[in-house]
Structure formats: C-alpha cells, structure tokens
Protein backbone atom coordinates (compact mmCIF):
# COMPACT_ATOMS: atom_id res chain seq x y z
CA MET A 1 92.03 82.39 108.74
CA ASN A 2 94.04 81.84 111.93
CA ASP A 3 95.66 78.67 110.63
CA ALA A 4 99.44 78.46 111.05
CA THR A 5 99.64 77.07 107.50
CA ARG A 6 97.55 79.83 105.89
CA TYR A 7 98.69 80.61 102.35
CA LEU A 8 96.85 82.69 99.76
CA VAL A 9 97.95 81.88 96.21
CA PRO A 10 98.70 85.07 94.26
CA GLN A 11 96.10 85.92 91.64
CA SER A 12 97.02 87.25 88.20
CA ALA A 13 96.49 90.85 89.37
CA ASP A 14 98.84 90.19 92.32
CA ARG A 15 101.48 88.78 89.98
CA ALA A 16 101.21 91.80 87.66
CA PHE A 17 101.42 94.26 90.57
CA ASN A 18 104.40 92.42 92.11
CA ALA A 19 106.17 92.30 88.74
CA THR A 20 105.77 96.06 88.37
CA VAL A 21 107.01 96.79 91.91
CA ALA A 22 109.95 94.41 91.40
CA TRP A 23 110.84 96.00 88.06
CA LEU A 24 110.90 99.45 89.68
CA ALA A 25 112.90 98.25 92.71
CA ARG A 26 115.51 96.63 90.47
CA ARG A 27 115.94 100.08 88.93
CA GLY A 28 116.31 101.76 92.30
CA ILE A 29 112.76 103.11 92.59
CA SER A 30 110.96 102.27 95.82
CA ILE A 31 107.17 102.46 96.02
CA ALA A 32 106.14 103.03 99.66
CA ASN A 33 109.47 101.63 100.91
CA SER A 34 109.37 98.50 98.75
CA ARG A 35 112.45 96.33 98.31
CA ILE A 36 113.38 93.09 96.63
CA LEU A 37 113.90 90.36 99.20
CA ALA A 38 116.44 87.77 98.06
CA VAL A 39 116.65 84.52 99.99
CA ARG A 40 118.46 81.27 99.24
CA GLY A 41 116.05 78.45 98.43
CA ARG A 42 115.89 75.94 101.25
CA LYS A 43 116.21 73.02 98.83
CA SER A 44 117.97 74.42 95.75
CA GLY A 45 120.27 76.91 97.46
CA GLU A 46 119.60 79.30 94.57
CA TRP A 47 118.59 82.91 95.12
CA ARG A 48 114.83 83.48 95.09
CA THR A 49 113.42 87.00 94.96
CA THR A 50 110.13 88.68 95.75
CA PRO A 51 109.03 92.27 96.37
CA VAL A 52 108.32 93.14 100.02
CA ASN A 53 107.26 96.17 102.03
CA LEU A 54 110.02 97.16 104.44
CA MET A 55 108.45 98.65 107.54
CA THR A 56 110.07 100.62 110.37
CA VAL A 57 108.34 100.83 113.75
CA ASP A 58 110.03 102.57 116.68
CA GLY A 59 113.42 102.21 115.02
CA ALA A 60 113.09 98.47 114.35
CA ARG A 61 112.55 97.13 110.83
CA TYR A 62 110.08 94.40 109.94
CA LEU A 63 108.88 92.24 107.08
CA VAL A 64 105.27 91.00 107.10
CA ALA A 65 103.89 88.21 104.92
CA PRO A 66 100.28 89.24 104.21
CA ARG A 67 99.57 86.13 102.10
CA GLY A 68 100.70 83.83 104.90
CA HIS A 69 103.26 81.06 104.90
CA THR A 70 104.64 81.68 101.42
CA GLN A 71 107.78 80.26 99.85
CA TRP A 72 109.82 83.30 100.88
CA VAL A 73 108.67 82.79 104.48
CA ARG A 74 109.71 79.14 104.44
CA ASN A 75 113.03 80.00 102.82
CA ILE A 76 113.90 82.82 105.21
CA ARG A 77 113.05 80.61 108.19
CA ALA A 78 115.50 78.02 106.91
CA ALA A 79 118.20 80.53 105.92
CA GLY A 80 117.81 82.90 108.89
CA GLY A 81 118.21 85.89 106.58
CA GLY A 82 118.87 87.10 103.08
CA GLU A 83 119.29 90.37 101.25
CA LEU A 84 117.18 93.47 100.78
CA ARG A 85 117.85 94.95 97.37
CA LEU A 86 117.04 98.31 95.82
CA GLY A 87 118.71 99.11 92.54
CA ARG A 88 122.38 98.19 92.78
CA ARG A 89 122.41 98.27 96.58
CA ALA A 90 122.10 95.02 98.51
CA GLU A 91 121.92 94.85 102.31
CA THR A 92 122.59 91.52 103.99
CA ILE A 93 120.04 90.90 106.74
CA ASP A 94 119.42 88.44 109.53
CA VAL A 95 115.87 88.01 110.80
CA VAL A 96 114.08 86.89 113.94
CA GLU A 97 110.50 85.69 113.65
CA LEU A 98 108.06 87.28 116.08
CA ALA A 99 105.93 85.16 118.37
CA ASP A 100 102.20 85.36 117.65
CA ALA A 101 101.64 87.19 120.95
CA ASP A 102 103.93 90.03 119.80
CA LYS A 103 102.43 90.60 116.34
CA ALA A 104 99.29 92.72 117.01
CA PRO A 105 100.93 96.19 117.09
CA ILE A 106 103.07 95.36 114.05
CA LEU A 107 100.09 94.04 112.06
CA ARG A 108 98.06 97.16 112.98
CA TYR A 109 100.86 99.44 111.81
CA TYR A 110 101.20 97.38 108.62
CA LEU A 111 97.49 97.78 107.91
CA ARG A 112 97.72 101.50 108.65
CA LYS A 113 100.57 101.94 106.20
CA TRP A 114 99.71 99.42 103.45
CA GLY A 115 96.04 98.60 103.95
CA TRP A 116 95.35 100.09 100.50
CA GLU A 117 97.58 97.39 99.00
CA VAL A 118 97.19 94.35 101.26
CA GLY A 119 93.90 94.92 103.09
CA ARG A 120 92.06 92.27 101.08
CA PHE A 121 94.42 89.61 102.47
CA PHE A 122 93.24 90.42 106.01
CA GLU A 123 89.65 89.35 105.26
CA GLY A 124 87.72 92.19 106.85
CA LEU A 125 90.25 93.43 109.39
CA ASP A 126 91.72 96.91 109.11
CA LYS A 127 93.87 99.33 111.09
CA ASP A 128 91.06 99.72 113.64
CA ALA A 129 90.97 96.01 114.53
CA THR A 130 91.22 95.24 118.23
CA ASP A 131 94.25 93.56 119.77
CA GLU A 132 92.08 90.47 120.28
CA GLN A 133 91.10 90.34 116.60
CA LEU A 134 94.71 90.75 115.48
CA ALA A 135 95.92 88.16 118.00
CA ALA A 136 93.34 85.71 116.66
CA VAL A 137 94.71 85.95 113.10
CA ALA A 138 98.38 86.34 114.04
CA PRO A 139 99.36 82.69 113.34
CA GLY A 140 98.43 83.21 109.68
CA PHE A 141 100.63 86.29 109.23
CA PRO A 142 104.38 85.64 109.67
CA VAL A 143 106.30 88.71 110.89
CA PHE A 144 110.10 89.01 110.93
CA ARG A 145 112.19 91.64 112.73
CA ILE A 146 115.41 92.48 110.96
CA ALA A 147 118.18 91.89 113.49
C-alpha cells in the first residue's frame, strides 16, 4: 500500500456516490465541504472534473487523493493548479504537493473528518494511526496544499 504508484480504481458504488456529490456541487450544494475540482488534461488540454473534499487545517487548505495517483493527481501535477467550483462560483487555485514526510498530520485530520467516506481506501488505518503508520503509507496518498 505504500507504493508511489498506488491507484485504486473506483467501483460502481464510488462512481454513483461521486456522481451524486458532483451533481449537488454543480448546483451549489456542498456536502462536508465538497467541491468540483477542474483541471486541464495533461495531454488533451481539456477541462477534466472530479468531486473532491476541500480541507482546511490551521488556516491552510488541502486536497487529498485517497485513491492514490489518480488522473486528477497526474493532471494537477502537470498543470500546477486548476479551479475549485461550487455552483456558479469558480476559484482559480495553484497547488504545491507535500513531501511524504509532511503528510502524516494532514492524513490524520483527513481521516478524522472524512473517515466515514474514505476510510476503506486506507486499508485498516484510521484517525488513531500512529505517525509511523501514516508515514509508511504516505507515498500512496498524494496531498496538495492550495497556495
């Protein structure tokens, strides 16, 4: 699970849940601070969208990829940013990817806040995981700070 290429393919239930969250966000309704992340495709240049959980920790905002190195992760790395959308509002963002050594407190907070939704992607870890356990899995969970 600590592989730097870790990627969990969304199951049909994940797709249905994400479609519902995206539908609500496009109408301006945020579930637990959800947004639509829009990023230009690294090959096509076309906008690609996916629902994300926007998280604020000590005044800084973060995006976590619980399913690993997904297409949105690869695209945002290439683009350096994108847009966070909710209803008709769109905020242009730039991002900085966190080093693995800096991820443990962010991943713990993420599990505390959204463990009910994403806990199964963490394969047995929860908000009470030790720093060592979180550091061990950090390469498989990209984290971006919104600059």
